[in-house]
Amino acid sequence: MSQRRSLVTGLEETPDLKALERKFVFGDKEESTDVSDATLESVSHTNESVLPQYRGRVPLTTRCRPELASALKRASLKRQLEGKEPYRIQEILEDAIEKWLRSQGYPS
């Protein structure tokens, strides 16, 4: 039977799990594109038109006609094959919504 130890002793002997996790995910090299929470907060609070609870990309779900969804997917794939930007559905939708908001007088 293994030797028993206290919880505090076990925690003190535990290696740095964050470092082990980073090494497992990124390998031996450190990921230099990490964005800290402080950076995200400073970016999100610098723009007054963005609500404080929205950080990064915000999920937005909607339903549309099947014809529209098919046409959007077809356009996305065709643009990707042709090497044209934007080709991701998300980027195409963001561009279209931004243009519509500006045309209606809403700041974006």
N, C-alpha and C. Protein backbone atom coordinates (compact mmCIF):
# COMPACT_ATOMS: atom_id res chain seq x y z
N MET A 1 0.84 -1.18 0.00
CA MET A 1 0.00 0.00 0.00
C MET A 1 0.89 1.24 0.00
N SER A 2 0.50 2.25 -0.78
CA SER A 2 1.33 3.45 -0.88
C SER A 2 1.21 4.30 0.38
N GLN A 3 2.23 5.11 0.57
CA GLN A 3 2.27 5.95 1.76
C GLN A 3 1.24 7.07 1.64
N ARG A 4 0.52 7.31 2.70
CA ARG A 4 -0.50 8.36 2.71
C ARG A 4 0.16 9.70 2.99
N ARG A 5 -0.40 10.73 2.40
CA ARG A 5 0.11 12.08 2.65
C ARG A 5 -1.08 13.03 2.75
N SER A 6 -0.84 14.16 3.34
CA SER A 6 -1.93 15.12 3.52
C SER A 6 -2.23 15.81 2.18
N LEU A 7 -3.39 16.40 2.10
CA LEU A 7 -3.79 17.11 0.89
C LEU A 7 -2.85 18.27 0.60
N VAL A 8 -2.47 19.01 1.61
CA VAL A 8 -1.57 20.15 1.43
C VAL A 8 -0.23 19.68 0.88
N THR A 9 0.29 18.60 1.41
CA THR A 9 1.57 18.07 0.93
C THR A 9 1.45 17.63 -0.53
N GLY A 10 0.35 16.99 -0.86
CA GLY A 10 0.14 16.55 -2.24
C GLY A 10 0.06 17.71 -3.20
N LEU A 11 -0.62 18.77 -2.80
CA LEU A 11 -0.72 19.95 -3.66
C LEU A 11 0.61 20.65 -3.83
N GLU A 12 1.41 20.68 -2.77
CA GLU A 12 2.72 21.32 -2.85
C GLU A 12 3.65 20.55 -3.78
N GLU A 13 3.50 19.24 -3.85
CA GLU A 13 4.37 18.41 -4.68
C GLU A 13 3.89 18.31 -6.12
N THR A 14 2.69 18.80 -6.42
CA THR A 14 2.14 18.73 -7.77
C THR A 14 2.91 19.70 -8.67
N PRO A 15 3.33 19.25 -9.84
CA PRO A 15 4.05 20.15 -10.75
C PRO A 15 3.12 21.23 -11.30
N ASP A 16 3.71 22.23 -11.93
CA ASP A 16 2.95 23.33 -12.51
C ASP A 16 2.12 22.80 -13.68
N LEU A 17 0.82 22.65 -13.46
CA LEU A 17 -0.04 22.05 -14.47
C LEU A 17 -0.22 22.95 -15.69
N LYS A 18 -0.24 24.26 -15.48
CA LYS A 18 -0.40 25.17 -16.63
C LYS A 18 0.76 25.01 -17.61
N ALA A 19 1.97 24.90 -17.08
CA ALA A 19 3.14 24.73 -17.95
C ALA A 19 3.06 23.40 -18.69
N LEU A 20 2.63 22.35 -17.99
CA LEU A 20 2.50 21.05 -18.64
C LEU A 20 1.41 21.08 -19.71
N GLU A 21 0.31 21.77 -19.43
CA GLU A 21 -0.77 21.89 -20.42
C GLU A 21 -0.27 22.62 -21.66
N ARG A 22 0.43 23.75 -21.46
CA ARG A 22 0.95 24.51 -22.60
C ARG A 22 1.93 23.68 -23.42
N LYS A 23 2.79 22.94 -22.73
CA LYS A 23 3.76 22.11 -23.43
C LYS A 23 3.05 21.03 -24.24
N PHE A 24 2.00 20.45 -23.67
CA PHE A 24 1.25 19.42 -24.38
C PHE A 24 0.55 19.98 -25.61
N VAL A 25 -0.07 21.15 -25.47
CA VAL A 25 -0.84 21.74 -26.57
C VAL A 25 0.06 22.34 -27.63
N PHE A 26 1.06 23.12 -27.22
CA PHE A 26 1.87 23.87 -28.17
C PHE A 26 3.23 23.25 -28.45
N GLY A 27 3.57 22.19 -27.77
CA GLY A 27 4.89 21.60 -27.94
C GLY A 27 5.91 22.35 -27.09
N ASP A 28 7.18 22.25 -27.47
CA ASP A 28 8.23 22.90 -26.68
C ASP A 28 8.25 24.40 -26.84
N LYS A 29 7.80 24.91 -27.99
CA LYS A 29 7.81 26.35 -28.19
C LYS A 29 6.57 26.98 -27.57
N GLU A 30 6.74 28.14 -27.02
CA GLU A 30 5.63 28.87 -26.41
C GLU A 30 4.81 29.55 -27.49
N GLU A 31 3.53 29.62 -27.30
CA GLU A 31 2.64 30.29 -28.24
C GLU A 31 2.73 31.79 -27.97
N SER A 32 3.16 32.55 -28.97
CA SER A 32 3.38 33.98 -28.77
C SER A 32 2.14 34.81 -29.06
N THR A 33 1.07 34.20 -29.57
CA THR A 33 -0.12 34.96 -29.91
C THR A 33 -1.18 34.88 -28.83
N ASP A 34 -0.80 34.52 -27.60
CA ASP A 34 -1.77 34.47 -26.51
C ASP A 34 -2.30 35.87 -26.25
N VAL A 35 -3.60 35.95 -26.03
CA VAL A 35 -4.23 37.22 -25.70
C VAL A 35 -4.73 37.11 -24.27
N SER A 36 -4.25 37.98 -23.43
CA SER A 36 -4.65 37.92 -22.03
C SER A 36 -6.02 38.54 -21.85
N ASP A 37 -6.64 38.24 -20.71
CA ASP A 37 -7.94 38.81 -20.41
C ASP A 37 -7.86 40.33 -20.30
N ALA A 38 -6.76 40.84 -19.78
CA ALA A 38 -6.60 42.28 -19.66
C ALA A 38 -6.60 42.94 -21.03
N THR A 39 -5.96 42.30 -22.00
CA THR A 39 -5.94 42.85 -23.36
C THR A 39 -7.34 42.85 -23.95
N LEU A 40 -8.07 41.76 -23.76
CA LEU A 40 -9.44 41.70 -24.28
C LEU A 40 -10.31 42.77 -23.64
N GLU A 41 -10.16 42.97 -22.34
CA GLU A 41 -10.96 43.98 -21.66
C GLU A 41 -10.63 45.37 -22.16
N SER A 42 -9.35 45.66 -22.37
CA SER A 42 -8.98 46.99 -22.83
C SER A 42 -9.48 47.24 -24.24
N VAL A 43 -9.45 46.22 -25.09
CA VAL A 43 -9.94 46.37 -26.45
C VAL A 43 -11.44 46.56 -26.46
N SER A 44 -12.16 45.78 -25.67
CA SER A 44 -13.61 45.86 -25.70
C SER A 44 -14.14 47.14 -25.07
N HIS A 45 -13.40 47.71 -24.13
CA HIS A 45 -13.89 48.92 -23.47
C HIS A 45 -13.43 50.19 -24.17
N THR A 46 -12.53 50.10 -25.14
CA THR A 46 -12.10 51.30 -25.83
C THR A 46 -13.15 51.79 -26.80
N ASN A 47 -13.97 50.90 -27.32
CA ASN A 47 -15.02 51.27 -28.26
C ASN A 47 -16.31 51.47 -27.48
N GLU A 48 -16.79 52.69 -27.44
CA GLU A 48 -17.98 53.02 -26.65
C GLU A 48 -19.25 52.41 -27.21
N SER A 49 -19.27 52.07 -28.51
CA SER A 49 -20.49 51.54 -29.10
C SER A 49 -20.70 50.06 -28.82
N VAL A 50 -19.70 49.40 -28.22
CA VAL A 50 -19.81 47.97 -27.93
C VAL A 50 -20.25 47.81 -26.48
N LEU A 51 -21.26 47.00 -26.28
CA LEU A 51 -21.74 46.74 -24.93
C LEU A 51 -20.67 46.02 -24.13
N PRO A 52 -20.55 46.31 -22.84
CA PRO A 52 -19.45 45.73 -22.05
C PRO A 52 -19.49 44.21 -21.92
N GLN A 53 -20.66 43.60 -22.03
CA GLN A 53 -20.73 42.14 -21.89
C GLN A 53 -20.28 41.42 -23.16
N TYR A 54 -20.08 42.15 -24.26
CA TYR A 54 -19.65 41.52 -25.50
C TYR A 54 -18.14 41.61 -25.62
N ARG A 55 -17.48 40.45 -25.60
CA ARG A 55 -16.03 40.38 -25.78
C ARG A 55 -15.74 39.38 -26.87
N GLY A 56 -14.88 39.75 -27.78
CA GLY A 56 -14.54 38.83 -28.87
C GLY A 56 -15.73 38.66 -29.80
N ARG A 57 -15.88 37.51 -30.35
CA ARG A 57 -17.01 37.21 -31.22
C ARG A 57 -18.19 36.75 -30.37
N VAL A 58 -19.37 37.23 -30.72
CA VAL A 58 -20.58 36.93 -29.97
C VAL A 58 -21.46 36.04 -30.83
N PRO A 59 -21.95 34.93 -30.28
CA PRO A 59 -22.81 34.07 -31.08
C PRO A 59 -24.14 34.76 -31.38
N LEU A 60 -24.55 34.67 -32.62
CA LEU A 60 -25.80 35.25 -33.06
C LEU A 60 -26.49 34.20 -33.92
N THR A 61 -27.65 33.76 -33.48
CA THR A 61 -28.34 32.70 -34.18
C THR A 61 -29.61 33.25 -34.81
N THR A 62 -29.84 32.87 -36.05
CA THR A 62 -31.05 33.28 -36.75
C THR A 62 -31.45 32.18 -37.73
N ARG A 63 -32.66 32.26 -38.21
CA ARG A 63 -33.14 31.29 -39.19
C ARG A 63 -33.39 32.04 -40.49
N CYS A 64 -33.13 31.37 -41.60
CA CYS A 64 -33.38 32.00 -42.90
C CYS A 64 -33.95 30.96 -43.86
N ARG A 65 -34.39 31.44 -44.99
CA ARG A 65 -34.96 30.55 -46.01
C ARG A 65 -33.87 29.61 -46.54
N PRO A 66 -34.25 28.39 -46.90
CA PRO A 66 -33.26 27.44 -47.42
C PRO A 66 -32.57 27.94 -48.69
N GLU A 67 -33.31 28.68 -49.54
CA GLU A 67 -32.71 29.21 -50.77
C GLU A 67 -31.58 30.18 -50.44
N LEU A 68 -31.82 31.02 -49.43
CA LEU A 68 -30.81 32.00 -49.03
C LEU A 68 -29.58 31.30 -48.45
N ALA A 69 -29.81 30.31 -47.61
CA ALA A 69 -28.69 29.57 -47.01
C ALA A 69 -27.88 28.84 -48.08
N SER A 70 -28.57 28.24 -49.05
CA SER A 70 -27.88 27.53 -50.13
C SER A 70 -27.07 28.49 -50.99
N ALA A 71 -27.67 29.64 -51.31
CA ALA A 71 -26.97 30.62 -52.14
C ALA A 71 -25.74 31.17 -51.40
N LEU A 72 -25.88 31.40 -50.10
CA LEU A 72 -24.77 31.90 -49.31
C LEU A 72 -23.64 30.87 -49.25
N LYS A 73 -23.97 29.62 -49.03
CA LYS A 73 -22.96 28.56 -48.99
C LYS A 73 -22.29 28.40 -50.34
N ARG A 74 -23.07 28.45 -51.41
CA ARG A 74 -22.53 28.33 -52.76
C ARG A 74 -21.57 29.49 -53.06
N ALA A 75 -21.98 30.70 -52.70
CA ALA A 75 -21.12 31.87 -52.92
C ALA A 75 -19.84 31.75 -52.11
N SER A 76 -19.96 31.27 -50.88
CA SER A 76 -18.78 31.11 -50.03
C SER A 76 -17.79 30.12 -50.64
N LEU A 77 -18.28 28.97 -51.06
CA LEU A 77 -17.40 27.96 -51.65
C LEU A 77 -16.78 28.44 -52.96
N LYS A 78 -17.58 29.12 -53.78
CA LYS A 78 -17.07 29.63 -55.05
C LYS A 78 -15.97 30.67 -54.82
N ARG A 79 -16.20 31.58 -53.87
CA ARG A 79 -15.19 32.60 -53.56
C ARG A 79 -13.92 31.96 -52.99
N GLN A 80 -14.09 30.91 -52.20
CA GLN A 80 -12.92 30.23 -51.64
C GLN A 80 -12.10 29.58 -52.75
N LEU A 81 -12.78 28.93 -53.69
CA LEU A 81 -12.07 28.29 -54.81
C LEU A 81 -11.37 29.31 -55.69
N GLU A 82 -11.96 30.49 -55.83
CA GLU A 82 -11.37 31.54 -56.66
C GLU A 82 -10.32 32.35 -55.90
N GLY A 83 -10.20 32.11 -54.60
CA GLY A 83 -9.22 32.83 -53.80
C GLY A 83 -9.61 34.25 -53.49
N LYS A 84 -10.90 34.55 -53.48
CA LYS A 84 -11.38 35.90 -53.20
C LYS A 84 -11.73 36.03 -51.72
N GLU A 85 -11.43 37.20 -51.18
CA GLU A 85 -11.80 37.51 -49.80
C GLU A 85 -12.99 38.45 -49.82
N PRO A 86 -13.88 38.42 -48.90
CA PRO A 86 -14.06 37.39 -47.89
C PRO A 86 -14.77 36.19 -48.49
N TYR A 87 -14.42 35.03 -47.99
CA TYR A 87 -15.09 33.82 -48.47
C TYR A 87 -15.77 33.05 -47.34
N ARG A 88 -15.46 33.35 -46.10
CA ARG A 88 -16.13 32.67 -44.99
C ARG A 88 -17.54 33.24 -44.83
N ILE A 89 -18.48 32.37 -44.53
CA ILE A 89 -19.87 32.79 -44.38
C ILE A 89 -19.98 33.87 -43.32
N GLN A 90 -19.28 33.70 -42.22
CA GLN A 90 -19.33 34.68 -41.14
C GLN A 90 -18.88 36.05 -41.63
N GLU A 91 -17.78 36.10 -42.38
CA GLU A 91 -17.27 37.37 -42.88
C GLU A 91 -18.23 38.01 -43.88
N ILE A 92 -18.82 37.18 -44.75
CA ILE A 92 -19.78 37.70 -45.73
C ILE A 92 -20.98 38.30 -45.02
N LEU A 93 -21.50 37.59 -44.01
CA LEU A 93 -22.65 38.10 -43.26
C LEU A 93 -22.30 39.37 -42.49
N GLU A 94 -21.12 39.40 -41.85
CA GLU A 94 -20.72 40.60 -41.12
C GLU A 94 -20.63 41.80 -42.06
N ASP A 95 -20.05 41.60 -43.24
CA ASP A 95 -19.92 42.67 -44.21
C ASP A 95 -21.29 43.19 -44.65
N ALA A 96 -22.20 42.26 -44.95
CA ALA A 96 -23.54 42.65 -45.40
C ALA A 96 -24.31 43.37 -44.29
N ILE A 97 -24.20 42.88 -43.07
CA ILE A 97 -24.93 43.50 -41.95
C ILE A 97 -24.36 44.88 -41.65
N GLU A 98 -23.03 45.02 -41.70
CA GLU A 98 -22.41 46.34 -41.47
C GLU A 98 -22.89 47.35 -42.51
N LYS A 99 -22.92 46.93 -43.79
CA LYS A 99 -23.38 47.84 -44.85
C LYS A 99 -24.84 48.23 -44.62
N TRP A 100 -25.67 47.28 -44.23
CA TRP A 100 -27.08 47.57 -44.00
C TRP A 100 -27.24 48.53 -42.82
N LEU A 101 -26.51 48.27 -41.74
CA LEU A 101 -26.60 49.15 -40.57
C LEU A 101 -26.19 50.58 -40.92
N ARG A 102 -25.09 50.73 -41.68
CA ARG A 102 -24.65 52.07 -42.08
C ARG A 102 -25.68 52.75 -42.97
N SER A 103 -26.29 51.99 -43.89
CA SER A 103 -27.28 52.59 -44.79
C SER A 103 -28.54 53.03 -44.04
N GLN A 104 -28.79 52.41 -42.90
CA GLN A 104 -29.96 52.77 -42.10
C GLN A 104 -29.64 53.82 -41.04
N GLY A 105 -28.38 54.26 -40.99
CA GLY A 105 -27.99 55.31 -40.07
C GLY A 105 -27.55 54.84 -38.70
N TYR A 106 -27.32 53.55 -38.55
CA TYR A 106 -26.85 53.03 -37.27
C TYR A 106 -25.33 52.97 -37.28
N PRO A 107 -24.70 53.40 -36.18
CA PRO A 107 -23.24 53.29 -36.14
C PRO A 107 -22.81 51.84 -36.00
N SER A 108 -21.73 51.49 -36.64
CA SER A 108 -21.24 50.12 -36.51
C SER A 108 -19.79 50.12 -36.12
